[in-house]
Amino acid sequence: MPKRQITGTVIKIAGDKTATVMVERRVLHPRYHKTVKRFKKYLVHDEKNEITLGDTVTAVECRPLSKSKNFRLLEILKRGEAL
């Protein structure tokens, strides 16, 4: 079974080797048939502490590393300015 991948923006450096990544998805509203944004935040493990605020990153699902951390950094797609 392939691992799930997420792509999002780093919004917070949450302690050592951890970053909070916000993933945006667009869905069609059931009643108004308008595209609306939905957001979800994930904790991502960054072993080398190489990501900074505003970066666009890809993370891959892995075994649970803590209570709420289930993703590991795969690559940094784009460096961004601090938010």
Protein backbone atom coordinates (compact mmCIF):
# COMPACT_ATOMS: atom_id res chain seq x y z
CA MET A 1 0.00 0.00 0.00
CA PRO A 2 1.55 3.35 -1.01
CA LYS A 3 2.24 5.95 1.66
CA ARG A 4 0.09 9.06 1.74
CA GLN A 5 1.83 12.31 0.76
CA ILE A 6 0.81 15.81 1.73
CA THR A 7 1.97 19.16 0.38
CA GLY A 8 1.57 22.32 2.39
CA THR A 9 3.09 25.45 3.88
CA VAL A 10 5.08 25.59 7.11
CA ILE A 11 3.24 27.90 9.52
CA LYS A 12 5.08 27.17 12.77
CA ILE A 13 8.29 25.61 14.02
CA ALA A 14 6.91 23.53 16.88
CA GLY A 15 9.96 22.63 18.95
CA ASP A 16 13.05 20.64 18.02
CA LYS A 17 12.76 18.61 14.78
CA THR A 18 9.05 19.39 14.41
CA ALA A 19 7.13 21.76 12.17
CA THR A 20 3.44 22.47 11.68
CA VAL A 21 2.34 22.24 8.05
CA MET A 22 -1.00 23.60 6.85
CA VAL A 23 -2.56 21.76 3.91
CA GLU A 24 -5.24 23.49 1.86
CA ARG A 25 -7.82 21.64 -0.20
CA ARG A 26 -10.64 23.01 -2.29
CA VAL A 27 -14.07 21.39 -2.13
CA LEU A 28 -17.40 22.16 -3.69
CA HIS A 29 -19.98 23.42 -1.19
CA PRO A 30 -22.92 21.00 -1.18
CA ARG A 31 -25.65 23.63 -1.18
CA TYR A 32 -24.17 26.69 -2.83
CA HIS A 33 -21.99 24.89 -5.42
CA LYS A 34 -19.13 27.26 -4.82
CA THR A 35 -15.53 26.21 -4.33
CA VAL A 36 -14.46 26.77 -0.72
CA LYS A 37 -11.11 26.23 1.00
CA ARG A 38 -10.66 23.71 3.78
CA PHE A 39 -7.52 23.65 5.93
CA LYS A 40 -5.89 21.01 8.09
CA LYS A 41 -2.70 21.17 10.12
CA TYR A 42 -0.22 18.32 10.44
CA LEU A 43 2.91 17.91 12.55
CA VAL A 44 5.89 16.92 10.40
CA HIS A 45 9.18 15.42 11.61
CA ASP A 46 12.24 17.29 10.30
CA GLU A 47 15.33 15.31 11.33
CA LYS A 48 17.89 17.94 10.24
CA ASN A 49 15.98 21.08 11.30
CA GLU A 50 16.29 22.45 7.76
CA ILE A 51 12.83 23.92 7.14
CA THR A 52 11.85 27.48 7.99
CA LEU A 53 8.61 29.46 8.14
CA GLY A 54 6.87 29.91 4.80
CA ASP A 55 8.50 26.92 3.07
CA THR A 56 6.37 24.72 0.84
CA VAL A 57 7.15 21.11 1.71
CA THR A 58 6.10 17.57 0.89
CA ALA A 59 5.76 15.05 3.71
CA VAL A 60 5.17 11.31 3.64
CA GLU A 61 3.19 9.22 6.10
CA CYS A 62 5.21 7.06 8.50
CA ARG A 63 4.83 5.21 11.77
CA PRO A 64 3.69 7.31 14.74
CA LEU A 65 6.67 9.29 16.05
CA SER A 66 4.71 10.85 18.91
CA LYS A 67 1.11 11.30 20.00
CA SER A 68 0.22 13.46 17.00
CA LYS A 69 3.21 13.27 14.64
CA ASN A 70 2.69 10.77 11.79
CA PHE A 71 4.48 12.45 8.88
CA ARG A 72 8.16 12.74 7.96
CA LEU A 73 9.67 15.44 5.73
CA LEU A 74 10.26 14.21 2.18
CA GLU A 75 11.45 17.33 0.37
CA ILE A 76 11.39 21.11 0.39
CA LEU A 77 9.65 22.29 -2.78
CA LYS A 78 10.07 26.03 -2.37
CA ARG A 79 11.79 28.26 0.14
CA GLY A 80 9.55 30.99 1.46
CA GLU A 81 9.82 34.17 3.42
CA ALA A 82 8.76 34.10 7.05
CA LEU A 83 5.03 34.61 7.48
